[in-house]
Amino acid sequence: MFTGGPADRLIGWYRQALRFVLPVECLSCGTALGADPVPFFCTDCWQTIRPLQQPACAICDQPFVSPAATAYTPDHHCHNCQTRPPAFQRAWTLFPYRSPLREAICSFKYRGKQTLAKPLARLMISALPDEIDIDMIIPVPLHPSRLRGREFNQSLLLADQLSRHLARPVSATALVRITATSPQTTLTRQARLQNLRKAFAIRQPEGLRGKRILLVDDVFTTGTTLHECAKTLRQAGSGPVFALTLARTLDADLVPDRLLAEQATGLPGIGWG
């Protein structure tokens, strides 16, 4: 049953009663939902979401295929970070962007399921690295035209929950998006770099000087957006910039064979382990 505070329990009871009248199916497996505490997902599916646990790049958190990559050099950097160092000092990418988390993020981001903000933020909080030491949190901004269409910034909703946990302020106005760029998901890595060049600006530089900043976004794909945001912040005089994303897209050759086999046979995935 629901184990949160009084308000969460009340919402859980209301949701359970509503599901009795209007049945809802899990967006991942299609099972009819009952007392499951996470909106739109059954408990069995939600519990398959596991943090990334492979050895990873000490800068961008890109997982390595083999544990040997960090066996003798724990601070080993991936090829991209060696050849094109990002403007952020460190990025943490917490979960693999795979089902059912993929469906949850897409429903949250593109279908207006804002009730998923809190459970998704709880996932982030459950996997936060101990070494996070920052002064303020800044969500990756949306251009005003996209914000009007979506009516909310998913990164800001996640950042707000993280702010409560870390007891650090959120600024949603210091970093702004000034160019309405094409969606990054449709572009190559090189095109992403060109697409985002000079897409961001600083509105309140005096409040950023020397501050250790945590950028928050939902999904890390190539890191281009976070790089451009961090570069803009550093040029305005901020201190080191760090990045935190809920999920990370992965190449097929980085996915354990057992997950691919489970997908091929239609069995539920068990996450990374």
Protein backbone atom coordinates (compact mmCIF):
# COMPACT_ATOMS: atom_id res chain seq x y z
CA MET A 1 0.00 0.00 0.00
CA PHE A 2 0.94 3.64 -0.10
CA THR A 3 3.67 4.56 2.37
CA GLY A 4 4.07 8.33 1.86
CA GLY A 5 2.76 11.17 4.01
CA PRO A 6 -0.92 11.87 4.76
CA ALA A 7 -1.41 13.82 1.52
CA ASP A 8 0.18 11.04 -0.53
CA ARG A 9 -1.96 8.40 1.18
CA LEU A 10 -5.10 10.43 0.51
CA ILE A 11 -4.17 10.74 -3.17
CA GLY A 12 -3.48 7.00 -3.25
CA TRP A 13 -6.89 6.15 -1.82
CA TYR A 14 -8.58 8.54 -4.24
CA ARG A 15 -6.70 7.00 -7.17
CA GLN A 16 -7.67 3.49 -6.06
CA ALA A 17 -11.36 4.45 -5.84
CA LEU A 18 -11.21 6.16 -9.24
CA ARG A 19 -9.62 3.07 -10.80
CA PHE A 20 -12.50 0.97 -9.51
CA VAL A 21 -14.93 3.16 -11.45
CA LEU A 22 -12.67 3.91 -14.43
CA PRO A 23 -10.18 1.05 -14.91
CA VAL A 24 -6.67 2.11 -15.94
CA GLU A 25 -4.03 -0.15 -17.49
CA CYS A 26 -0.29 -0.03 -16.86
CA LEU A 27 1.38 1.86 -19.70
CA SER A 28 4.17 -0.71 -19.77
CA CYS A 29 2.54 -4.15 -19.50
CA GLY A 30 -1.18 -3.43 -19.88
CA THR A 31 -2.15 -4.91 -16.51
CA ALA A 32 -5.19 -3.34 -14.84
CA LEU A 33 -4.07 -1.07 -12.03
CA GLY A 34 -5.35 -1.38 -8.49
CA ALA A 35 -3.64 0.00 -5.40
CA ASP A 36 -0.37 0.62 -7.27
CA PRO A 37 1.07 3.89 -5.87
CA VAL A 38 2.70 5.21 -9.06
CA PRO A 39 0.23 6.74 -11.55
CA PHE A 40 -0.16 4.80 -14.82
CA PHE A 41 2.27 1.99 -13.85
CA CYS A 42 1.92 -1.26 -11.93
CA THR A 43 4.22 -1.92 -9.01
CA ASP A 44 5.82 -4.93 -10.71
CA CYS A 45 6.89 -2.88 -13.72
CA TRP A 46 8.03 0.14 -11.69
CA GLN A 47 10.24 -2.06 -9.51
CA THR A 48 12.16 -3.27 -12.57
CA ILE A 49 13.71 0.20 -12.94
CA ARG A 50 17.30 -0.12 -11.74
CA PRO A 51 20.13 2.45 -11.71
CA LEU A 52 23.04 2.17 -14.11
CA GLN A 53 25.79 0.19 -12.42
CA GLN A 54 28.42 -0.30 -15.11
CA PRO A 55 31.83 1.40 -14.90
CA ALA A 56 31.48 4.77 -16.60
CA CYS A 57 33.36 7.83 -17.84
CA ALA A 58 34.49 10.02 -14.96
CA ILE A 59 33.18 13.13 -16.72
CA CYS A 60 30.01 12.37 -18.72
CA ASP A 61 29.02 9.05 -17.11
CA GLN A 62 29.05 7.21 -20.45
CA PRO A 63 28.96 3.49 -19.51
CA PHE A 64 31.87 1.35 -20.63
CA VAL A 65 31.31 -2.07 -22.15
CA SER A 66 34.00 -3.73 -20.06
CA PRO A 67 34.87 -3.28 -16.36
CA ALA A 68 38.51 -3.34 -17.47
CA ALA A 69 38.14 0.25 -18.66
CA THR A 70 38.34 1.52 -15.08
CA ALA A 71 40.18 -1.36 -13.41
CA TYR A 72 43.48 0.55 -13.25
CA THR A 73 42.30 4.09 -14.04
CA PRO A 74 39.11 4.84 -12.05
CA ASP A 75 39.00 8.36 -13.55
CA HIS A 76 39.19 7.10 -17.15
CA HIS A 77 37.52 9.39 -19.71
CA CYS A 78 35.55 8.24 -22.75
CA HIS A 79 36.71 9.09 -26.27
CA ASN A 80 34.26 11.99 -26.65
CA CYS A 81 35.37 13.63 -23.42
CA GLN A 82 39.03 13.21 -24.37
CA THR A 83 38.60 14.74 -27.82
CA ARG A 84 35.86 17.30 -27.04
CA PRO A 85 35.85 18.03 -23.29
CA PRO A 86 32.40 19.25 -22.18
CA ALA A 87 31.87 22.55 -20.41
CA PHE A 88 30.35 20.79 -17.40
CA GLN A 89 32.76 19.39 -14.82
CA ARG A 90 30.81 16.21 -14.13
CA ALA A 91 27.53 14.63 -15.26
CA TRP A 92 25.56 11.92 -13.51
CA THR A 93 23.10 9.95 -15.66
CA LEU A 94 21.18 7.75 -13.28
CA PHE A 95 19.00 5.21 -15.12
CA PRO A 96 18.97 3.56 -18.55
CA TYR A 97 16.39 5.05 -20.89
CA ARG A 98 14.53 1.80 -21.37
CA SER A 99 11.06 0.47 -20.71
CA PRO A 100 9.20 1.14 -18.43
CA LEU A 101 11.08 4.34 -17.59
CA ARG A 102 11.01 5.36 -21.25
CA GLU A 103 7.20 5.19 -21.31
CA ALA A 104 7.02 7.11 -18.04
CA ILE A 105 9.25 9.94 -19.29
CA CYS A 106 7.43 10.19 -22.62
CA SER A 107 4.04 10.26 -20.89
CA PHE A 108 5.29 12.89 -18.45
CA LYS A 109 6.97 15.02 -21.09
CA TYR A 110 4.76 14.74 -24.17
CA ARG A 111 1.34 13.68 -22.87
CA GLY A 112 1.04 16.08 -19.96
CA LYS A 113 1.06 13.42 -17.21
CA GLN A 114 2.41 15.82 -14.59
CA THR A 115 1.47 13.49 -11.73
CA LEU A 116 4.54 11.46 -12.74
CA ALA A 117 6.85 14.32 -11.69
CA LYS A 118 7.02 13.24 -8.06
CA PRO A 119 7.65 9.47 -8.59
CA LEU A 120 10.24 10.25 -11.28
CA ALA A 121 11.98 12.70 -8.94
CA ARG A 122 11.91 10.04 -6.22
CA LEU A 123 13.80 7.74 -8.58
CA MET A 124 16.44 10.44 -9.03
CA ILE A 125 16.71 11.02 -5.30
CA SER A 126 17.07 7.28 -4.65
CA ALA A 127 20.14 7.16 -6.92
CA LEU A 128 21.78 10.50 -6.12
CA PRO A 129 25.58 10.28 -5.82
CA ASP A 130 27.02 11.22 -2.45
CA GLU A 131 29.55 13.65 -3.94
CA ILE A 132 27.01 16.23 -5.13
CA ASP A 133 28.05 19.56 -3.58
CA ILE A 134 26.33 22.56 -5.17
CA ASP A 135 24.99 26.01 -4.33
CA MET A 136 22.00 26.16 -6.64
CA ILE A 137 19.95 24.14 -9.13
CA ILE A 138 19.05 25.26 -12.65
CA PRO A 139 16.70 23.27 -14.89
CA VAL A 140 17.46 23.14 -18.61
CA PRO A 141 15.10 25.81 -19.98
CA LEU A 142 12.54 25.54 -22.76
CA HIS A 143 12.02 28.22 -25.37
CA PRO A 144 8.86 30.26 -24.61
CA SER A 145 7.13 28.93 -27.72
CA ARG A 146 7.67 25.33 -26.67
CA LEU A 147 6.75 26.14 -23.08
CA ARG A 148 3.44 27.60 -24.27
CA GLY A 149 2.70 24.43 -26.22
CA ARG A 150 3.66 22.03 -23.42
CA GLU A 151 2.45 24.31 -20.59
CA PHE A 152 5.19 23.14 -18.23
CA ASN A 153 8.92 22.50 -18.15
CA GLN A 154 9.48 18.87 -17.12
CA SER A 155 13.04 19.66 -15.99
CA LEU A 156 11.79 22.40 -13.68
CA LEU A 157 9.28 20.03 -12.04
CA LEU A 158 12.08 17.53 -11.38
CA ALA A 159 14.41 20.27 -10.17
CA ASP A 160 11.78 21.54 -7.73
CA GLN A 161 11.58 18.11 -6.05
CA LEU A 162 15.39 17.84 -5.95
CA SER A 163 15.58 21.30 -4.41
CA ARG A 164 13.44 20.18 -1.49
CA HIS A 165 15.63 17.12 -0.92
CA LEU A 166 19.00 18.89 -1.29
CA ALA A 167 17.86 22.08 0.45
CA ARG A 168 19.27 24.21 -2.35
CA PRO A 169 17.47 26.97 -4.27
CA VAL A 170 16.18 26.59 -7.82
CA SER A 171 16.53 29.35 -10.40
CA ALA A 172 14.20 29.08 -13.39
CA THR A 173 15.02 32.55 -14.75
CA ALA A 174 18.82 32.92 -14.68
CA LEU A 175 19.38 30.71 -17.73
CA VAL A 176 16.95 31.15 -20.62
CA ARG A 177 16.54 29.72 -24.09
CA ILE A 178 16.51 32.47 -26.71
CA THR A 179 16.38 30.39 -29.91
CA ALA A 180 13.54 28.05 -30.87
CA THR A 181 15.67 25.20 -32.19
CA SER A 182 14.59 22.04 -33.98
CA PRO A 183 14.01 19.01 -31.70
CA GLN A 184 17.38 17.47 -30.83
CA THR A 185 16.03 13.92 -31.18
CA THR A 186 15.92 14.25 -34.97
CA LEU A 187 19.54 15.39 -35.42
CA THR A 188 23.02 13.90 -35.65
CA ARG A 189 25.62 14.78 -33.04
CA GLN A 190 27.28 17.39 -35.28
CA ALA A 191 23.92 18.87 -36.22
CA ARG A 192 23.00 19.07 -32.53
CA LEU A 193 26.08 21.19 -31.89
CA GLN A 194 25.16 23.60 -34.68
CA ASN A 195 21.50 23.58 -33.69
CA LEU A 196 22.16 24.73 -30.13
CA ARG A 197 24.94 27.24 -30.76
CA LYS A 198 24.01 30.51 -29.01
CA ALA A 199 20.62 29.07 -28.09
CA PHE A 200 20.96 30.04 -24.41
CA ALA A 201 21.54 33.30 -22.56
CA ILE A 202 21.95 34.59 -19.01
CA ARG A 203 19.43 37.00 -17.52
CA GLN A 204 20.81 37.38 -13.97
CA PRO A 205 24.62 36.97 -14.08
CA GLU A 206 25.20 38.68 -10.73
CA GLY A 207 23.47 35.81 -8.91
CA LEU A 208 25.62 33.17 -10.59
CA ARG A 209 29.15 34.42 -10.03
CA GLY A 210 31.27 31.76 -8.38
CA LYS A 211 28.26 29.52 -7.65
CA ARG A 212 28.50 25.76 -8.01
CA ILE A 213 25.56 24.91 -10.23
CA LEU A 214 23.66 21.68 -10.84
CA LEU A 215 21.93 21.52 -14.23
CA VAL A 216 18.91 19.22 -14.25
CA ASP A 217 17.32 17.57 -17.30
CA ASP A 218 15.24 14.48 -17.99
CA VAL A 219 17.30 12.55 -20.59
CA PHE A 220 20.98 12.60 -21.57
CA THR A 221 21.48 11.65 -25.23
CA THR A 222 24.72 13.17 -26.52
CA GLY A 223 25.19 15.77 -23.78
CA THR A 224 25.09 18.62 -26.30
CA THR A 225 22.30 20.53 -24.54
CA LEU A 226 23.99 20.27 -21.16
CA HIS A 227 27.32 21.29 -22.68
CA GLU A 228 25.84 24.44 -24.24
CA CYS A 229 24.03 25.35 -21.02
CA ALA A 230 27.20 24.85 -18.98
CA LYS A 231 29.28 26.86 -21.46
CA THR A 232 26.83 29.76 -21.23
CA LEU A 233 26.91 29.65 -17.43
CA ARG A 234 30.71 29.51 -17.25
CA GLN A 235 31.06 32.42 -19.67
CA ALA A 236 28.81 34.42 -17.33
CA GLY A 237 31.19 33.81 -14.42
CA SER A 238 29.64 30.87 -12.61
CA GLY A 239 31.68 28.36 -10.66
CA PRO A 240 31.90 24.72 -11.78
CA VAL A 241 28.80 23.34 -13.45
CA PHE A 242 27.56 19.81 -12.85
CA ALA A 243 24.74 17.96 -14.59
CA LEU A 244 22.16 15.46 -13.43
CA THR A 245 19.70 13.59 -15.64
CA LEU A 246 17.09 11.03 -14.77
CA ALA A 247 17.91 8.74 -17.70
CA ARG A 248 20.46 8.11 -20.41
CA THR A 249 20.01 6.69 -23.89
CA LEU A 250 22.31 3.73 -24.55
CA ASP A 251 23.80 2.15 -27.64
CA ALA A 252 22.71 -1.43 -28.28
CA ASP A 253 26.24 -2.72 -27.65
CA LEU A 254 26.09 -1.35 -24.11
CA VAL A 255 22.95 -3.31 -23.21
CA PRO A 256 23.50 -6.64 -21.40
CA ASP A 257 22.64 -9.68 -23.53
CA ARG A 258 20.04 -10.86 -21.02
CA LEU A 259 17.99 -7.69 -21.53
CA LEU A 260 18.02 -8.12 -25.30
CA ALA A 261 17.01 -11.77 -24.90
CA GLU A 262 14.14 -10.83 -22.59
CA GLN A 263 12.89 -8.24 -25.08
CA ALA A 264 13.03 -10.77 -27.91
CA THR A 265 10.99 -13.31 -25.94
CA GLY A 266 8.55 -10.77 -24.56
CA LEU A 267 9.59 -11.30 -20.94
CA PRO A 268 9.65 -8.34 -18.54
CA GLY A 269 13.09 -6.77 -18.16
CA ILE A 270 14.89 -6.91 -14.85
CA GLY A 271 16.96 -3.76 -15.24
CA TRP A 272 20.67 -3.31 -14.88
CA GLY A 273 22.49 -5.31 -12.30
